[in-house]
PDB file of N, CA and C in Angstrom:
ATOM      1  N   MET A   1      -2.964  16.367  10.864  1.00  0.00           N
ATOM      2  CA  MET A   1      -3.173  15.677   9.393  1.00  0.00           C
ATOM      3  C   MET A   1      -3.969  16.260   8.579  1.00  0.00           C
ATOM      4  N   SER A   2      -3.499  16.459   7.225  1.00  0.00           N
ATOM      5  CA  SER A   2      -4.132  17.158   6.298  1.00  0.00           C
ATOM      6  C   SER A   2      -5.203  16.086   5.500  1.00  0.00           C
ATOM      7  N   ALA A   3      -6.228  16.723   5.011  1.00  0.00           N
ATOM      8  CA  ALA A   3      -6.964  15.687   4.220  1.00  0.00           C
ATOM      9  C   ALA A   3      -6.185  15.606   2.741  1.00  0.00           C
ATOM     10  N   HIS A   4      -6.828  14.371   2.075  1.00  0.00           N
ATOM     11  CA  HIS A   4      -6.229  14.202   0.781  1.00  0.00           C
ATOM     12  C   HIS A   4      -6.829  14.949  -0.281  1.00  0.00           C
ATOM     13  N   VAL A   5      -6.205  15.632  -1.292  1.00  0.00           N
ATOM     14  CA  VAL A   5      -6.716  16.179  -2.278  1.00  0.00           C
ATOM     15  C   VAL A   5      -6.894  15.269  -3.628  1.00  0.00           C
ATOM     16  N   PRO A   6      -7.925  15.045  -4.125  1.00  0.00           N
ATOM     17  CA  PRO A   6      -8.157  14.209  -4.970  1.00  0.00           C
ATOM     18  C   PRO A   6      -7.191  14.848  -6.256  1.00  0.00           C
ATOM     19  N   GLY A   7      -6.643  13.840  -7.220  1.00  0.00           N
ATOM     20  CA  GLY A   7      -5.832  14.287  -8.250  1.00  0.00           C
ATOM     21  C   GLY A   7      -4.190  14.324  -7.856  1.00  0.00           C
ATOM     22  N   THR A   8      -4.115  14.377  -6.556  1.00  0.00           N
ATOM     23  CA  THR A   8      -2.610  14.439  -6.074  1.00  0.00           C
ATOM     24  C   THR A   8      -2.039  13.257  -5.555  1.00  0.00           C
ATOM     25  N   SER A   9      -0.788  13.261  -5.624  1.00  0.00           N
ATOM     26  CA  SER A   9      -0.358  11.892  -4.919  1.00  0.00           C
ATOM     27  C   SER A   9       0.357  12.279  -3.535  1.00  0.00           C
ATOM     28  N   ASP A  10       0.061  11.385  -2.705  1.00  0.00           N
ATOM     29  CA  ASP A  10       0.561  11.329  -1.418  1.00  0.00           C
ATOM     30  C   ASP A  10       1.493  10.180  -0.985  1.00  0.00           C
ATOM     31  N   LEU A  11       2.396  10.347  -0.033  1.00  0.00           N
ATOM     32  CA  LEU A  11       3.346   9.085   0.243  1.00  0.00           C
ATOM     33  C   LEU A  11       2.448   8.565   1.350  1.00  0.00           C
ATOM     34  N   GLN A  12       2.282   7.279   1.289  1.00  0.00           N
ATOM     35  CA  GLN A  12       1.519   6.482   2.294  1.00  0.00           C
ATOM     36  C   GLN A  12       2.736   5.538   2.981  1.00  0.00           C
ATOM     37  N   VAL A  13       2.909   5.477   4.297  1.00  0.00           N
ATOM     38  CA  VAL A  13       3.510   4.402   4.561  1.00  0.00           C
ATOM     39  C   VAL A  13       2.970   3.333   5.495  1.00  0.00           C
ATOM     40  N   LEU A  14       2.983   1.944   5.188  1.00  0.00           N
ATOM     41  CA  LEU A  14       2.193   1.204   5.554  1.00  0.00           C
ATOM     42  C   LEU A  14       2.883  -0.295   6.018  1.00  0.00           C
ATOM     43  N   HIS A  15       2.458  -0.588   7.224  1.00  0.00           N
ATOM     44  CA  HIS A  15       3.007  -1.693   7.879  1.00  0.00           C
ATOM     45  C   HIS A  15       1.928  -3.219   7.767  1.00  0.00           C
ATOM     46  N   ILE A  16       2.695  -4.051   6.995  1.00  0.00           N
ATOM     47  CA  ILE A  16       2.096  -5.271   6.521  1.00  0.00           C
ATOM     48  C   ILE A  16       2.703  -6.252   7.201  1.00  0.00           C
ATOM     49  N   PRO A  17       2.041  -6.809   8.389  1.00  0.00           N
ATOM     50  CA  PRO A  17       2.567  -7.842   8.968  1.00  0.00           C
ATOM     51  C   PRO A  17       2.754  -9.291   8.248  1.00  0.00           C
ATOM     52  N   LYS A  18       1.839  -9.370   7.206  1.00  0.00           N
ATOM     53  CA  LYS A  18       2.039 -10.865   6.547  1.00  0.00           C
ATOM     54  C   LYS A  18       2.775 -10.806   5.442  1.00  0.00           C
ATOM     55  N   MET A  19       3.502  -9.819   5.207  1.00  0.00           N
ATOM     56  CA  MET A  19       4.418  -9.670   4.162  1.00  0.00           C
ATOM     57  C   MET A  19       5.659 -10.275   4.432  1.00  0.00           C
ATOM     58  N   ARG A  20       6.012 -11.656   3.946  1.00  0.00           N
ATOM     59  CA  ARG A  20       7.247 -12.095   4.488  1.00  0.00           C
ATOM     60  C   ARG A  20       8.183 -12.467   3.309  1.00  0.00           C
ATOM     61  N   CYS A  21       7.714 -12.287   2.089  1.00  0.00           N
ATOM     62  CA  CYS A  21       8.724 -12.804   0.927  1.00  0.00           C
ATOM     63  C   CYS A  21       8.362 -11.964  -0.288  1.00  0.00           C
ATOM     64  N   GLY A  22       9.174 -12.262  -1.061  1.00  0.00           N
ATOM     65  CA  GLY A  22       8.925 -11.667  -2.428  1.00  0.00           C
ATOM     66  C   GLY A  22       7.498 -11.923  -3.065  1.00  0.00           C
ATOM     67  N   GLY A  23       7.022 -13.020  -2.906  1.00  0.00           N
ATOM     68  CA  GLY A  23       5.641 -13.404  -3.294  1.00  0.00           C
ATOM     69  C   GLY A  23       4.711 -12.592  -2.942  1.00  0.00           C
ATOM     70  N   CYS A  24       4.756 -12.317  -1.518  1.00  0.00           N
ATOM     71  CA  CYS A  24       4.099 -11.552  -0.790  1.00  0.00           C
ATOM     72  C   CYS A  24       4.055 -10.110  -1.322  1.00  0.00           C
ATOM     73  N   ALA A  25       5.362  -9.662  -1.451  1.00  0.00           N
ATOM     74  CA  ALA A  25       5.541  -8.167  -1.895  1.00  0.00           C
ATOM     75  C   ALA A  25       4.795  -8.048  -3.364  1.00  0.00           C
ATOM     76  N   ALA A  26       4.926  -8.968  -3.988  1.00  0.00           N
ATOM     77  CA  ALA A  26       4.371  -8.788  -5.316  1.00  0.00           C
ATOM     78  C   ALA A  26       2.838  -8.993  -5.178  1.00  0.00           C
ATOM     79  N   GLY A  27       2.203  -9.670  -4.485  1.00  0.00           N
ATOM     80  CA  GLY A  27       0.785  -9.502  -4.015  1.00  0.00           C
ATOM     81  C   GLY A  27       0.019  -8.373  -3.561  1.00  0.00           C
ATOM     82  N   VAL A  28       1.112  -7.754  -2.710  1.00  0.00           N
ATOM     83  CA  VAL A  28       0.928  -6.557  -2.002  1.00  0.00           C
ATOM     84  C   VAL A  28       1.051  -5.202  -3.257  1.00  0.00           C
ATOM     85  N   GLU A  29       2.008  -5.451  -4.039  1.00  0.00           N
ATOM     86  CA  GLU A  29       2.063  -4.198  -5.320  1.00  0.00           C
ATOM     87  C   GLU A  29       0.816  -4.570  -6.341  1.00  0.00           C
ATOM     88  N   LYS A  30       0.453  -5.749  -6.317  1.00  0.00           N
ATOM     89  CA  LYS A  30      -0.811  -6.220  -7.288  1.00  0.00           C
ATOM     90  C   LYS A  30      -1.999  -5.488  -6.813  1.00  0.00           C
ATOM     91  N   ALA A  31      -2.274  -5.617  -5.569  1.00  0.00           N
ATOM     92  CA  ALA A  31      -3.455  -5.095  -4.764  1.00  0.00           C
ATOM     93  C   ALA A  31      -3.358  -3.548  -4.993  1.00  0.00           C
ATOM     94  N   ILE A  32      -2.060  -2.974  -4.914  1.00  0.00           N
ATOM     95  CA  ILE A  32      -2.159  -1.575  -4.680  1.00  0.00           C
ATOM     96  C   ILE A  32      -2.592  -1.170  -6.101  1.00  0.00           C
ATOM     97  N   HIS A  33      -1.840  -1.764  -6.986  1.00  0.00           N
ATOM     98  CA  HIS A  33      -1.923  -1.210  -8.496  1.00  0.00           C
ATOM     99  C   HIS A  33      -3.634  -1.484  -9.083  1.00  0.00           C
ATOM    100  N   ALA A  34      -4.158  -2.360  -8.333  1.00  0.00           N
ATOM    101  CA  ALA A  34      -5.398  -2.607  -8.835  1.00  0.00           C
ATOM    102  C   ALA A  34      -6.461  -1.388  -8.591  1.00  0.00           C
ATOM    103  N   VAL A  35      -5.869  -0.654  -7.362  1.00  0.00           N
ATOM    104  CA  VAL A  35      -6.574   0.765  -7.029  1.00  0.00           C
ATOM    105  C   VAL A  35      -5.955   1.985  -7.689  1.00  0.00           C
ATOM    106  N   ASP A  36      -4.617   2.027  -8.076  1.00  0.00           N
ATOM    107  CA  ASP A  36      -4.089   2.983  -8.700  1.00  0.00           C
ATOM    108  C   ASP A  36      -2.744   2.357  -9.443  1.00  0.00           C
ATOM    109  N   ALA A  37      -3.032   2.489 -10.645  1.00  0.00           N
ATOM    110  CA  ALA A  37      -1.998   1.491 -11.655  1.00  0.00           C
ATOM    111  C   ALA A  37      -0.749   2.432 -11.919  1.00  0.00           C
ATOM    112  N   SER A  38      -0.849   3.633 -11.428  1.00  0.00           N
ATOM    113  CA  SER A  38       0.436   4.704 -11.923  1.00  0.00           C
ATOM    114  C   SER A  38       1.082   4.857 -10.277  1.00  0.00           C
ATOM    115  N   ALA A  39       0.800   4.090  -9.127  1.00  0.00           N
ATOM    116  CA  ALA A  39       1.387   3.917  -7.919  1.00  0.00           C
ATOM    117  C   ALA A  39       2.916   3.588  -7.980  1.00  0.00           C
ATOM    118  N   ALA A  40       3.599   4.245  -7.219  1.00  0.00           N
ATOM    119  CA  ALA A  40       4.993   3.939  -6.855  1.00  0.00           C
ATOM    120  C   ALA A  40       5.075   3.216  -5.714  1.00  0.00           C
ATOM    121  N   VAL A  41       5.542   1.763  -5.546  1.00  0.00           N
ATOM    122  CA  VAL A  41       5.697   1.063  -4.479  1.00  0.00           C
ATOM    123  C   VAL A  41       6.898   0.638  -4.055  1.00  0.00           C
ATOM    124  N   LYS A  42       7.311   0.645  -3.063  1.00  0.00           N
ATOM    125  CA  LYS A  42       8.688   0.430  -2.399  1.00  0.00           C
ATOM    126  C   LYS A  42       8.498  -0.411  -1.405  1.00  0.00           C
ATOM    127  N   ALA A  43       8.674  -1.871  -1.478  1.00  0.00           N
ATOM    128  CA  ALA A  43       8.319  -2.762  -0.442  1.00  0.00           C
ATOM    129  C   ALA A  43       9.819  -3.100   0.404  1.00  0.00           C
ATOM    130  N   ASP A  44       9.554  -3.263   1.679  1.00  0.00           N
ATOM    131  CA  ASP A  44      10.731  -3.371   2.671  1.00  0.00           C
ATOM    132  C   ASP A  44      10.451  -4.846   3.123  1.00  0.00           C
ATOM    133  N   ILE A  45      10.522  -6.122   2.774  1.00  0.00           N
ATOM    134  CA  ILE A  45      10.223  -7.225   3.318  1.00  0.00           C
ATOM    135  C   ILE A  45      10.465  -7.393   4.784  1.00  0.00           C
ATOM    136  N   GLU A  46      12.009  -7.235   5.084  1.00  0.00           N
ATOM    137  CA  GLU A  46      12.172  -7.506   6.397  1.00  0.00           C
ATOM    138  C   GLU A  46      11.754  -6.437   7.572  1.00  0.00           C
ATOM    139  N   ALA A  47      11.197  -5.341   7.200  1.00  0.00           N
ATOM    140  CA  ALA A  47      10.584  -4.382   8.045  1.00  0.00           C
ATOM    141  C   ALA A  47       9.053  -4.572   7.809  1.00  0.00           C
ATOM    142  N   ARG A  48       8.631  -5.391   7.017  1.00  0.00           N
ATOM    143  CA  ARG A  48       7.234  -5.623   6.629  1.00  0.00           C
ATOM    144  C   ARG A  48       6.364  -4.485   6.472  1.00  0.00           C
ATOM    145  N   ARG A  49       7.017  -3.237   5.377  1.00  0.00           N
ATOM    146  CA  ARG A  49       6.396  -2.204   5.277  1.00  0.00           C
ATOM    147  C   ARG A  49       6.460  -1.788   3.766  1.00  0.00           C
ATOM    148  N   VAL A  50       5.525  -0.930   3.401  1.00  0.00           N
ATOM    149  CA  VAL A  50       5.640  -0.418   2.034  1.00  0.00           C
ATOM    150  C   VAL A  50       5.622   1.015   1.905  1.00  0.00           C
ATOM    151  N   GLU A  51       6.139   1.561   1.211  1.00  0.00           N
ATOM    152  CA  GLU A  51       6.150   3.030   0.992  1.00  0.00           C
ATOM    153  C   GLU A  51       5.441   3.250  -0.300  1.00  0.00           C
ATOM    154  N   VAL A  52       4.342   4.030  -0.562  1.00  0.00           N
ATOM    155  CA  VAL A  52       3.466   4.129  -1.436  1.00  0.00           C
ATOM    156  C   VAL A  52       3.119   5.518  -2.046  1.00  0.00           C
ATOM    157  N   THR A  53       3.533   5.856  -3.239  1.00  0.00           N
ATOM    158  CA  THR A  53       3.294   7.172  -3.624  1.00  0.00           C
ATOM    159  C   THR A  53       2.103   6.980  -4.679  1.00  0.00           C
ATOM    160  N   THR A  54       0.866   7.549  -4.018  1.00  0.00           N
ATOM    161  CA  THR A  54      -0.273   7.285  -4.829  1.00  0.00           C
ATOM    162  C   THR A  54      -1.229   8.349  -4.503  1.00  0.00           C
ATOM    163  N   ALA A  55      -2.232   8.264  -5.629  1.00  0.00           N
ATOM    164  CA  ALA A  55      -3.373   9.244  -5.687  1.00  0.00           C
ATOM    165  C   ALA A  55      -4.408   8.829  -5.017  1.00  0.00           C
ATOM    166  N   ALA A  56      -4.293   7.376  -4.715  1.00  0.00           N
ATOM    167  CA  ALA A  56      -5.543   6.720  -3.955  1.00  0.00           C
ATOM    168  C   ALA A  56      -5.421   7.175  -2.286  1.00  0.00           C
ATOM    169  N   ASP A  57      -6.823   7.249  -1.604  1.00  0.00           N
ATOM    170  CA  ASP A  57      -6.609   7.557  -0.411  1.00  0.00           C
ATOM    171  C   ASP A  57      -6.081   6.200   0.804  1.00  0.00           C
ATOM    172  N   ARG A  58      -5.679   6.450   1.620  1.00  0.00           N
ATOM    173  CA  ARG A  58      -5.418   5.386   2.793  1.00  0.00           C
ATOM    174  C   ARG A  58      -6.239   4.316   2.909  1.00  0.00           C
ATOM    175  N   GLN A  59      -7.508   4.758   3.125  1.00  0.00           N
ATOM    176  CA  GLN A  59      -8.754   3.806   3.514  1.00  0.00           C
ATOM    177  C   GLN A  59      -8.695   2.766   2.099  1.00  0.00           C
ATOM    178  N   THR A  60      -8.776   3.269   0.982  1.00  0.00           N
ATOM    179  CA  THR A  60      -8.874   2.725  -0.075  1.00  0.00           C
ATOM    180  C   THR A  60      -7.723   1.632  -0.455  1.00  0.00           C
ATOM    181  N   LEU A  61      -6.481   2.095   0.163  1.00  0.00           N
ATOM    182  CA  LEU A  61      -5.363   1.164  -0.010  1.00  0.00           C
ATOM    183  C   LEU A  61      -5.498  -0.127   1.172  1.00  0.00           C
ATOM    184  N   LEU A  62      -5.790   0.314   2.307  1.00  0.00           N
ATOM    185  CA  LEU A  62      -6.157  -0.601   3.304  1.00  0.00           C
ATOM    186  C   LEU A  62      -7.365  -1.713   3.092  1.00  0.00           C
ATOM    187  N   THR A  63      -8.433  -1.242   2.562  1.00  0.00           N
ATOM    188  CA  THR A  63      -9.403  -1.972   1.925  1.00  0.00           C
ATOM    189  C   THR A  63      -8.855  -2.950   0.876  1.00  0.00           C
ATOM    190  N   ALA A  64      -8.170  -2.539  -0.219  1.00  0.00           N
ATOM    191  CA  ALA A  64      -7.583  -3.323  -1.113  1.00  0.00           C
ATOM    192  C   ALA A  64      -6.556  -4.528  -0.423  1.00  0.00           C
ATOM    193  N   LEU A  65      -5.750  -4.119   0.261  1.00  0.00           N
ATOM    194  CA  LEU A  65      -4.862  -5.037   0.857  1.00  0.00           C
ATOM    195  C   LEU A  65      -5.632  -6.154   1.645  1.00  0.00           C
ATOM    196  N   ASP A  66      -6.588  -5.676   2.494  1.00  0.00           N
ATOM    197  CA  ASP A  66      -7.219  -6.572   3.037  1.00  0.00           C
ATOM    198  C   ASP A  66      -7.999  -7.639   2.262  1.00  0.00           C
ATOM    199  N   ALA A  67      -8.600  -7.067   1.443  1.00  0.00           N
ATOM    200  CA  ALA A  67      -9.337  -8.185   0.447  1.00  0.00           C
ATOM    201  C   ALA A  67      -8.267  -9.103  -0.159  1.00  0.00           C
ATOM    202  N   ALA A  68      -6.963  -8.605  -0.402  1.00  0.00           N
ATOM    203  CA  ALA A  68      -6.139  -9.537  -0.968  1.00  0.00           C
ATOM    204  C   ALA A  68      -5.446 -10.441  -0.022  1.00  0.00           C
ATOM    205  N   GLY A  69      -5.783 -10.451   1.370  1.00  0.00           N
ATOM    206  CA  GLY A  69      -5.191 -11.028   2.076  1.00  0.00           C
ATOM    207  C   GLY A  69      -4.075 -10.863   2.907  1.00  0.00           C
ATOM    208  N   TYR A  70      -3.793  -9.277   2.882  1.00  0.00           N
ATOM    209  CA  TYR A  70      -2.732  -8.411   3.358  1.00  0.00           C
ATOM    210  C   TYR A  70      -3.225  -7.404   4.303  1.00  0.00           C
ATOM    211  N   PRO A  71      -3.462  -7.521   5.377  1.00  0.00           N
ATOM    212  CA  PRO A  71      -4.107  -6.731   6.213  1.00  0.00           C
ATOM    213  C   PRO A  71      -3.074  -5.553   6.417  1.00  0.00           C
ATOM    214  N   ALA A  72      -3.189  -4.356   6.557  1.00  0.00           N
ATOM    215  CA  ALA A  72      -2.189  -3.413   6.891  1.00  0.00           C
ATOM    216  C   ALA A  72      -2.821  -2.462   8.059  1.00  0.00           C
ATOM    217  N   GLU A  73      -1.941  -1.698   8.461  1.00  0.00           N
ATOM    218  CA  GLU A  73      -2.056  -0.447   9.150  1.00  0.00           C
ATOM    219  C   GLU A  73      -1.064   0.557   8.850  1.00  0.00           C
ATOM    220  N   ALA A  74      -1.647   1.907   9.355  1.00  0.00           N
ATOM    221  CA  ALA A  74      -0.442   2.964   8.919  1.00  0.00           C
ATOM    222  C   ALA A  74       0.765   2.691   9.780  1.00  0.00           C
ATOM    223  N   ALA A  75       1.885   3.161   9.231  1.00  0.00           N
ATOM    224  CA  ALA A  75       3.210   2.816   9.859  1.00  0.00           C
ATOM    225  C   ALA A  75       3.448   4.074  10.651  1.00  0.00           C
TER     226      ALA A  75
END
């Protein structure tokens, strides 16, 4: 696994067990955009996962999602 280079965007795939509806997906997206407003978020509610293209590192995303009530893990 390579280290994140600040200022670059990486694809992060996260599993979010509590994401079960469109409202949940909106909450997840809001939490991600709070740490990176330009992040591209693609939610798959049925699989309970999101693909995020972001300049934020994985731990920052996990912390923000946990604080929003959507604990996540790397998929």
